[in-house]
Amino acid sequence: PRVDLLQGYDEMIMSYSQSRAAILPGGSKAT
């Protein structure tokens, strides 16, 4: 498994206000 410890405001999270669900578990909704 590949593990990444990201900060909560990482660009992988904050760059995508519309499509943040890409990293969420199946069925989760981005907020």
Full PDB file with SEQRES, HELIX, SHEET, SSBOND, CRYST1, ORIGX, SCALE, CONECT and MASTER records, all heavy atoms in Angstrom:
SEQRES   1 A   31  PRO ARG VAL ASP LEU LEU GLN GLY TYR ASP GLU MET ILE          
SEQRES   2 A   31  MET SER TYR SER GLN SER ARG ALA ALA ILE LEU PRO GLY          
SEQRES   3 A   31  GLY SER LYS ALA THR                                          
HELIX    1 AA1 GLU A   11  MET A   14  1                                   4    
HELIX    2 AA2 ARG A   20  ILE A   23  5                                   4    
CRYST1    1.000    1.000    1.000  90.00  90.00  90.00 P 1           1          
ORIGX1      1.000000  0.000000  0.000000        0.00000                         
ORIGX2      0.000000  1.000000  0.000000        0.00000                         
ORIGX3      0.000000  0.000000  1.000000        0.00000                         
SCALE1      1.000000  0.000000  0.000000        0.00000                         
SCALE2      0.000000  1.000000  0.000000        0.00000                         
SCALE3      0.000000  0.000000  1.000000        0.00000                         
ATOM      1  N   PRO A   1       0.826  -1.211   0.000  1.00  0.00           N  
ATOM      2  CA  PRO A   1       0.000   0.000   0.000  1.00  0.00           C  
ATOM      3  C   PRO A   1       0.863   1.265   0.000  1.00  0.00           C  
ATOM      4  O   PRO A   1       1.944   1.305   0.595  1.00  0.00           O  
ATOM      5  CB  PRO A   1      -0.795  -0.111   1.297  1.00  0.00           C  
ATOM      6  CG  PRO A   1      -0.800  -1.567   1.613  1.00  0.00           C  
ATOM      7  CD  PRO A   1       0.513  -2.099   1.128  1.00  0.00           C  
ATOM      8  N   ARG A   2       0.379   2.285  -0.667  1.00  0.00           N  
ATOM      9  CA  ARG A   2       1.038   3.579  -0.695  1.00  0.00           C  
ATOM     10  C   ARG A   2       0.346   4.489   0.310  1.00  0.00           C  
ATOM     11  O   ARG A   2      -0.859   4.717   0.237  1.00  0.00           O  
ATOM     12  CB  ARG A   2       0.955   4.184  -2.093  1.00  0.00           C  
ATOM     13  CG  ARG A   2       1.329   5.673  -2.186  1.00  0.00           C  
ATOM     14  CD  ARG A   2       2.787   5.907  -1.849  1.00  0.00           C  
ATOM     15  NE  ARG A   2       3.063   7.318  -1.639  1.00  0.00           N  
ATOM     16  CZ  ARG A   2       3.874   8.033  -2.408  1.00  0.00           C  
ATOM     17  NH1 ARG A   2       4.451   7.482  -3.459  1.00  0.00           N  
ATOM     18  NH2 ARG A   2       4.111   9.300  -2.130  1.00  0.00           N  
ATOM     19  N   VAL A   3       1.106   5.023   1.267  1.00  0.00           N  
ATOM     20  CA  VAL A   3       0.562   5.884   2.308  1.00  0.00           C  
ATOM     21  C   VAL A   3       1.111   7.290   2.149  1.00  0.00           C  
ATOM     22  O   VAL A   3       2.322   7.478   1.982  1.00  0.00           O  
ATOM     23  CB  VAL A   3       0.892   5.350   3.713  1.00  0.00           C  
ATOM     24  CG1 VAL A   3       0.506   6.376   4.789  1.00  0.00           C  
ATOM     25  CG2 VAL A   3       0.161   4.034   3.965  1.00  0.00           C  
ATOM     26  N   ASP A   4       0.230   8.272   2.183  1.00  0.00           N  
ATOM     27  CA  ASP A   4       0.622   9.683   2.161  1.00  0.00           C  
ATOM     28  C   ASP A   4       0.017  10.376   3.376  1.00  0.00           C  
ATOM     29  O   ASP A   4      -1.200  10.329   3.580  1.00  0.00           O  
ATOM     30  CB  ASP A   4       0.121  10.361   0.883  1.00  0.00           C  
ATOM     31  CG  ASP A   4       0.780   9.798  -0.369  1.00  0.00           C  
ATOM     32  OD1 ASP A   4       1.944  10.121  -0.606  1.00  0.00           O  
ATOM     33  OD2 ASP A   4       0.103   9.036  -1.081  1.00  0.00           O  
ATOM     34  N   LEU A   5       0.865  10.996   4.182  1.00  0.00           N  
ATOM     35  CA  LEU A   5       0.411  11.805   5.318  1.00  0.00           C  
ATOM     36  C   LEU A   5       0.311  13.245   4.834  1.00  0.00           C  
ATOM     37  O   LEU A   5       1.310  13.944   4.715  1.00  0.00           O  
ATOM     38  CB  LEU A   5       1.388  11.698   6.488  1.00  0.00           C  
ATOM     39  CG  LEU A   5       1.636  10.302   7.060  1.00  0.00           C  
ATOM     40  CD1 LEU A   5       2.653  10.365   8.202  1.00  0.00           C  
ATOM     41  CD2 LEU A   5       0.337   9.656   7.538  1.00  0.00           C  
ATOM     42  N   LEU A   6      -0.899  13.673   4.514  1.00  0.00           N  
ATOM     43  CA  LEU A   6      -1.103  15.006   3.973  1.00  0.00           C  
ATOM     44  C   LEU A   6      -1.569  15.967   5.057  1.00  0.00           C  
ATOM     45  O   LEU A   6      -2.329  15.592   5.952  1.00  0.00           O  
ATOM     46  CB  LEU A   6      -2.170  14.995   2.866  1.00  0.00           C  
ATOM     47  CG  LEU A   6      -1.937  14.114   1.648  1.00  0.00           C  
ATOM     48  CD1 LEU A   6      -3.001  14.402   0.603  1.00  0.00           C  
ATOM     49  CD2 LEU A   6      -0.546  14.328   1.062  1.00  0.00           C  
ATOM     50  N   GLN A   7      -1.132  17.212   4.954  1.00  0.00           N  
ATOM     51  CA  GLN A   7      -1.709  18.224   5.833  1.00  0.00           C  
ATOM     52  C   GLN A   7      -3.159  18.473   5.420  1.00  0.00           C  
ATOM     53  O   GLN A   7      -3.540  18.288   4.253  1.00  0.00           O  
ATOM     54  CB  GLN A   7      -0.894  19.515   5.782  1.00  0.00           C  
ATOM     55  CG  GLN A   7      -0.981  20.280   4.486  1.00  0.00           C  
ATOM     56  CD  GLN A   7      -1.049  21.792   4.702  1.00  0.00           C  
ATOM     57  OE1 GLN A   7      -1.503  22.270   5.746  1.00  0.00           O  
ATOM     58  NE2 GLN A   7      -0.606  22.547   3.719  1.00  0.00           N  
ATOM     59  N   GLY A   8      -3.967  18.898   6.361  1.00  0.00           N  
ATOM     60  CA  GLY A   8      -5.394  19.067   6.102  1.00  0.00           C  
ATOM     61  C   GLY A   8      -5.716  20.096   5.048  1.00  0.00           C  
ATOM     62  O   GLY A   8      -6.793  20.064   4.443  1.00  0.00           O  
ATOM     63  N   TYR A   9      -4.786  21.040   4.804  1.00  0.00           N  
ATOM     64  CA  TYR A   9      -4.993  22.054   3.776  1.00  0.00           C  
ATOM     65  C   TYR A   9      -4.099  21.801   2.569  1.00  0.00           C  
ATOM     66  O   TYR A   9      -3.765  22.724   1.830  1.00  0.00           O  
ATOM     67  CB  TYR A   9      -4.725  23.452   4.348  1.00  0.00           C  
ATOM     68  CG  TYR A   9      -5.644  23.818   5.481  1.00  0.00           C  
ATOM     69  CD1 TYR A   9      -5.173  23.938   6.779  1.00  0.00           C  
ATOM     70  CD2 TYR A   9      -7.000  24.043   5.249  1.00  0.00           C  
ATOM     71  CE1 TYR A   9      -6.021  24.274   7.827  1.00  0.00           C  
ATOM     72  CE2 TYR A   9      -7.854  24.376   6.290  1.00  0.00           C  
ATOM     73  CZ  TYR A   9      -7.354  24.497   7.576  1.00  0.00           C  
ATOM     74  OH  TYR A   9      -8.204  24.826   8.603  1.00  0.00           O  
ATOM     75  N   ASP A  10      -3.714  20.550   2.367  1.00  0.00           N  
ATOM     76  CA  ASP A  10      -2.854  20.226   1.234  1.00  0.00           C  
ATOM     77  C   ASP A  10      -3.546  20.607  -0.079  1.00  0.00           C  
ATOM     78  O   ASP A  10      -4.777  20.579  -0.198  1.00  0.00           O  
ATOM     79  CB  ASP A  10      -2.539  18.731   1.234  1.00  0.00           C  
ATOM     80  CG  ASP A  10      -1.415  18.384   0.261  1.00  0.00           C  
ATOM     81  OD1 ASP A  10      -0.251  18.427   0.679  1.00  0.00           O  
ATOM     82  OD2 ASP A  10      -1.723  18.089  -0.914  1.00  0.00           O  
ATOM     83  N   GLU A  11      -2.732  20.929  -1.081  1.00  0.00           N  
ATOM     84  CA  GLU A  11      -3.296  21.278  -2.388  1.00  0.00           C  
ATOM     85  C   GLU A  11      -4.061  20.112  -3.011  1.00  0.00           C  
ATOM     86  O   GLU A  11      -4.956  20.324  -3.834  1.00  0.00           O  
ATOM     87  CB  GLU A  11      -2.191  21.751  -3.323  1.00  0.00           C  
ATOM     88  CG  GLU A  11      -1.620  23.103  -2.954  1.00  0.00           C  
ATOM     89  CD  GLU A  11      -2.676  24.201  -2.943  1.00  0.00           C  
ATOM     90  OE1 GLU A  11      -3.343  24.402  -3.985  1.00  0.00           O  
ATOM     91  OE2 GLU A  11      -2.850  24.854  -1.900  1.00  0.00           O  
ATOM     92  N   MET A  12      -3.756  18.882  -2.632  1.00  0.00           N  
ATOM     93  CA  MET A  12      -4.514  17.739  -3.123  1.00  0.00           C  
ATOM     94  C   MET A  12      -5.958  17.798  -2.629  1.00  0.00           C  
ATOM     95  O   MET A  12      -6.854  17.202  -3.230  1.00  0.00           O  
ATOM     96  CB  MET A  12      -3.837  16.439  -2.661  1.00  0.00           C  
ATOM     97  CG  MET A  12      -4.408  15.171  -3.267  1.00  0.00           C  
ATOM     98  SD  MET A  12      -4.214  15.092  -5.056  1.00  0.00           S  
ATOM     99  CE  MET A  12      -5.332  13.735  -5.441  1.00  0.00           C  
ATOM    100  N   ILE A  13      -6.182  18.541  -1.572  1.00  0.00           N  
ATOM    101  CA  ILE A  13      -7.518  18.704  -1.007  1.00  0.00           C  
ATOM    102  C   ILE A  13      -8.108  20.049  -1.412  1.00  0.00           C  
ATOM    103  O   ILE A  13      -9.234  20.134  -1.906  1.00  0.00           O  
ATOM    104  CB  ILE A  13      -7.463  18.592   0.531  1.00  0.00           C  
ATOM    105  CG1 ILE A  13      -6.945  17.208   0.943  1.00  0.00           C  
ATOM    106  CG2 ILE A  13      -8.823  18.867   1.152  1.00  0.00           C  
ATOM    107  CD1 ILE A  13      -6.469  17.131   2.376  1.00  0.00           C  
ATOM    108  N   MET A  14      -7.351  21.128  -1.244  1.00  0.00           N  
ATOM    109  CA  MET A  14      -7.901  22.470  -1.371  1.00  0.00           C  
ATOM    110  C   MET A  14      -7.972  22.968  -2.808  1.00  0.00           C  
ATOM    111  O   MET A  14      -8.593  24.001  -3.068  1.00  0.00           O  
ATOM    112  CB  MET A  14      -7.076  23.450  -0.532  1.00  0.00           C  
ATOM    113  CG  MET A  14      -6.984  23.065   0.939  1.00  0.00           C  
ATOM    114  SD  MET A  14      -8.582  22.701   1.731  1.00  0.00           S  
ATOM    115  CE  MET A  14      -9.419  24.284   1.578  1.00  0.00           C  
ATOM    116  N   SER A  15      -7.361  22.267  -3.745  1.00  0.00           N  
ATOM    117  CA  SER A  15      -7.373  22.722  -5.139  1.00  0.00           C  
ATOM    118  C   SER A  15      -8.682  22.422  -5.843  1.00  0.00           C  
ATOM    119  O   SER A  15      -8.882  22.877  -6.980  1.00  0.00           O  
ATOM    120  CB  SER A  15      -6.232  22.057  -5.922  1.00  0.00           C  
ATOM    121  OG  SER A  15      -4.976  22.446  -5.436  1.00  0.00           O  
ATOM    122  N   TYR A  16      -9.572  21.640  -5.225  1.00  0.00           N  
ATOM    123  CA  TYR A  16     -10.727  21.103  -5.944  1.00  0.00           C  
ATOM    124  C   TYR A  16     -12.024  21.349  -5.178  1.00  0.00           C  
ATOM    125  O   TYR A  16     -12.535  20.471  -4.497  1.00  0.00           O  
ATOM    126  CB  TYR A  16     -10.532  19.601  -6.185  1.00  0.00           C  
ATOM    127  CG  TYR A  16      -9.176  19.273  -6.754  1.00  0.00           C  
ATOM    128  CD1 TYR A  16      -8.180  18.712  -5.954  1.00  0.00           C  
ATOM    129  CD2 TYR A  16      -8.887  19.538  -8.084  1.00  0.00           C  
ATOM    130  CE1 TYR A  16      -6.939  18.420  -6.473  1.00  0.00           C  
ATOM    131  CE2 TYR A  16      -7.628  19.244  -8.610  1.00  0.00           C  
ATOM    132  CZ  TYR A  16      -6.663  18.691  -7.795  1.00  0.00           C  
ATOM    133  OH  TYR A  16      -5.420  18.404  -8.315  1.00  0.00           O  
ATOM    134  N   SER A  17     -12.562  22.535  -5.289  1.00  0.00           N  
ATOM    135  CA  SER A  17     -13.793  22.838  -4.563  1.00  0.00           C  
ATOM    136  C   SER A  17     -14.985  22.075  -5.116  1.00  0.00           C  
ATOM    137  O   SER A  17     -15.916  21.743  -4.379  1.00  0.00           O  
ATOM    138  CB  SER A  17     -14.081  24.345  -4.632  1.00  0.00           C  
ATOM    139  OG  SER A  17     -14.167  24.789  -5.977  1.00  0.00           O  
ATOM    140  N   GLN A  18     -14.961  21.746  -6.417  1.00  0.00           N  
ATOM    141  CA  GLN A  18     -16.077  21.020  -7.021  1.00  0.00           C  
ATOM    142  C   GLN A  18     -15.854  19.517  -7.034  1.00  0.00           C  
ATOM    143  O   GLN A  18     -16.798  18.751  -6.878  1.00  0.00           O  
ATOM    144  CB  GLN A  18     -16.326  21.501  -8.455  1.00  0.00           C  
ATOM    145  CG  GLN A  18     -17.512  20.804  -9.134  1.00  0.00           C  
ATOM    146  CD  GLN A  18     -17.807  21.368 -10.514  1.00  0.00           C  
ATOM    147  OE1 GLN A  18     -16.936  21.942 -11.157  1.00  0.00           O  
ATOM    148  NE2 GLN A  18     -19.054  21.230 -10.959  1.00  0.00           N  
ATOM    149  N   SER A  19     -14.625  19.084  -7.196  1.00  0.00           N  
ATOM    150  CA  SER A  19     -14.382  17.658  -7.459  1.00  0.00           C  
ATOM    151  C   SER A  19     -13.444  17.033  -6.436  1.00  0.00           C  
ATOM    152  O   SER A  19     -12.602  16.219  -6.758  1.00  0.00           O  
ATOM    153  CB  SER A  19     -13.812  17.484  -8.867  1.00  0.00           C  
ATOM    154  OG  SER A  19     -12.621  18.241  -9.037  1.00  0.00           O  
ATOM    155  N   ARG A  20     -13.633  17.416  -5.157  1.00  0.00           N  
ATOM    156  CA  ARG A  20     -12.787  16.886  -4.092  1.00  0.00           C  
ATOM    157  C   ARG A  20     -13.063  15.415  -3.808  1.00  0.00           C  
ATOM    158  O   ARG A  20     -12.267  14.720  -3.185  1.00  0.00           O  
ATOM    159  CB  ARG A  20     -13.000  17.717  -2.830  1.00  0.00           C  
ATOM    160  CG  ARG A  20     -11.997  17.481  -1.722  1.00  0.00           C  
ATOM    161  CD  ARG A  20     -12.190  18.504  -0.620  1.00  0.00           C  
ATOM    162  NE  ARG A  20     -11.854  19.832  -1.087  1.00  0.00           N  
ATOM    163  CZ  ARG A  20     -12.384  20.951  -0.597  1.00  0.00           C  
ATOM    164  NH1 ARG A  20     -13.297  20.887   0.357  1.00  0.00           N  
ATOM    165  NH2 ARG A  20     -12.030  22.128  -1.067  1.00  0.00           N  
ATOM    166  N   ALA A  21     -14.199  14.898  -4.263  1.00  0.00           N  
ATOM    167  CA  ALA A  21     -14.584  13.520  -3.953  1.00  0.00           C  
ATOM    168  C   ALA A  21     -13.617  12.490  -4.507  1.00  0.00           C  
ATOM    169  O   ALA A  21     -13.708  11.314  -4.161  1.00  0.00           O  
ATOM    170  CB  ALA A  21     -15.992  13.239  -4.476  1.00  0.00           C  
ATOM    171  N   ALA A  22     -12.689  12.899  -5.351  1.00  0.00           N  
ATOM    172  CA  ALA A  22     -11.749  11.943  -5.947  1.00  0.00           C  
ATOM    173  C   ALA A  22     -10.956  11.178  -4.903  1.00  0.00           C  
ATOM    174  O   ALA A  22     -10.551  10.035  -5.138  1.00  0.00           O  
ATOM    175  CB  ALA A  22     -10.798  12.659  -6.896  1.00  0.00           C  
ATOM    176  N   ILE A  23     -10.698  11.770  -3.727  1.00  0.00           N  
ATOM    177  CA  ILE A  23      -9.905  11.067  -2.714  1.00  0.00           C  
ATOM    178  C   ILE A  23     -10.765  10.522  -1.581  1.00  0.00           C  
ATOM    179  O   ILE A  23     -10.225   9.977  -0.616  1.00  0.00           O  
ATOM    180  CB  ILE A  23      -8.801  11.966  -2.129  1.00  0.00           C  
ATOM    181  CG1 ILE A  23      -9.410  13.160  -1.380  1.00  0.00           C  
ATOM    182  CG2 ILE A  23      -7.817  12.397  -3.204  1.00  0.00           C  
ATOM    183  CD1 ILE A  23      -8.406  13.899  -0.515  1.00  0.00           C  
ATOM    184  N   LEU A  24     -12.078  10.668  -1.674  1.00  0.00           N  
ATOM    185  CA  LEU A  24     -12.934  10.202  -0.591  1.00  0.00           C  
ATOM    186  C   LEU A  24     -13.345   8.754  -0.806  1.00  0.00           C  
ATOM    187  O   LEU A  24     -13.462   8.294  -1.944  1.00  0.00           O  
ATOM    188  CB  LEU A  24     -14.176  11.081  -0.485  1.00  0.00           C  
ATOM    189  CG  LEU A  24     -13.931  12.565  -0.208  1.00  0.00           C  
ATOM    190  CD1 LEU A  24     -15.254  13.281  -0.024  1.00  0.00           C  
ATOM    191  CD2 LEU A  24     -13.045  12.769   1.010  1.00  0.00           C  
ATOM    192  N   PRO A  25     -13.592   8.017   0.271  1.00  0.00           N  
ATOM    193  CA  PRO A  25     -14.065   6.645   0.119  1.00  0.00           C  
ATOM    194  C   PRO A  25     -15.362   6.601  -0.673  1.00  0.00           C  
ATOM    195  O   PRO A  25     -16.129   7.566  -0.691  1.00  0.00           O  
ATOM    196  CB  PRO A  25     -14.279   6.184   1.568  1.00  0.00           C  
ATOM    197  CG  PRO A  25     -13.456   7.106   2.405  1.00  0.00           C  
ATOM    198  CD  PRO A  25     -13.435   8.415   1.675  1.00  0.00           C  
ATOM    199  N   GLY A  26     -15.627   5.502  -1.359  1.00  0.00           N  
ATOM    200  CA  GLY A  26     -16.828   5.367  -2.176  1.00  0.00           C  
ATOM    201  C   GLY A  26     -18.077   5.734  -1.408  1.00  0.00           C  
ATOM    202  O   GLY A  26     -18.287   5.292  -0.277  1.00  0.00           O  
ATOM    203  N   GLY A  27     -18.901   6.579  -2.030  1.00  0.00           N  
ATOM    204  CA  GLY A  27     -20.148   6.985  -1.407  1.00  0.00           C  
ATOM    205  C   GLY A  27     -20.049   8.237  -0.572  1.00  0.00           C  
ATOM    206  O   GLY A  27     -21.068   8.811  -0.207  1.00  0.00           O  
ATOM    207  N   SER A  28     -18.809   8.699  -0.242  1.00  0.00           N  
ATOM    208  CA  SER A  28     -18.671   9.916   0.545  1.00  0.00           C  
ATOM    209  C   SER A  28     -18.959  11.128  -0.320  1.00  0.00           C  
ATOM    210  O   SER A  28     -18.769  11.102  -1.528  1.00  0.00           O  
ATOM    211  CB  SER A  28     -17.258  10.026   1.124  1.00  0.00           C  
ATOM    212  OG  SER A  28     -17.002   8.975   2.026  1.00  0.00           O  
ATOM    213  N   LYS A  29     -19.401  12.189   0.290  1.00  0.00           N  
ATOM    214  CA  LYS A  29     -19.662  13.437  -0.402  1.00  0.00           C  
ATOM    215  C   LYS A  29     -18.655  14.483   0.045  1.00  0.00           C  
ATOM    216  O   LYS A  29     -18.344  14.604   1.227  1.00  0.00           O  
ATOM    217  CB  LYS A  29     -21.084  13.944  -0.096  1.00  0.00           C  
ATOM    218  CG  LYS A  29     -22.184  12.970  -0.530  1.00  0.00           C  
ATOM    219  CD  LYS A  29     -22.215  12.802  -2.042  1.00  0.00           C  
ATOM    220  CE  LYS A  29     -23.381  11.910  -2.459  1.00  0.00           C  
ATOM    221  NZ  LYS A  29     -23.405  11.685  -3.920  1.00  0.00           N  
ATOM    222  N   ALA A  30     -18.138  15.229  -0.922  1.00  0.00           N  
ATOM    223  CA  ALA A  30     -17.191  16.290  -0.587  1.00  0.00           C  
ATOM    224  C   ALA A  30     -17.926  17.453   0.055  1.00  0.00           C  
ATOM    225  O   ALA A  30     -19.030  17.804  -0.338  1.00  0.00           O  
ATOM    226  CB  ALA A  30     -16.466  16.765  -1.838  1.00  0.00           C  
ATOM    227  N   THR A  31     -17.316  18.070   1.057  1.00  0.00           N  
ATOM    228  CA  THR A  31     -17.849  19.261   1.694  1.00  0.00           C  
ATOM    229  C   THR A  31     -16.789  20.342   1.599  1.00  0.00           C  
ATOM    230  O   THR A  31     -15.896  20.274   0.776  1.00  0.00           O  
ATOM    231  CB  THR A  31     -18.176  18.978   3.170  1.00  0.00           C  
ATOM    232  OG1 THR A  31     -16.955  18.627   3.858  1.00  0.00           O  
ATOM    233  CG2 THR A  31     -19.163  17.837   3.307  1.00  0.00           C  
TER     234      THR A  31                                                      
MASTER        0    0    0    2    0    0    0    6  233    1    0    3          
END                                                                             
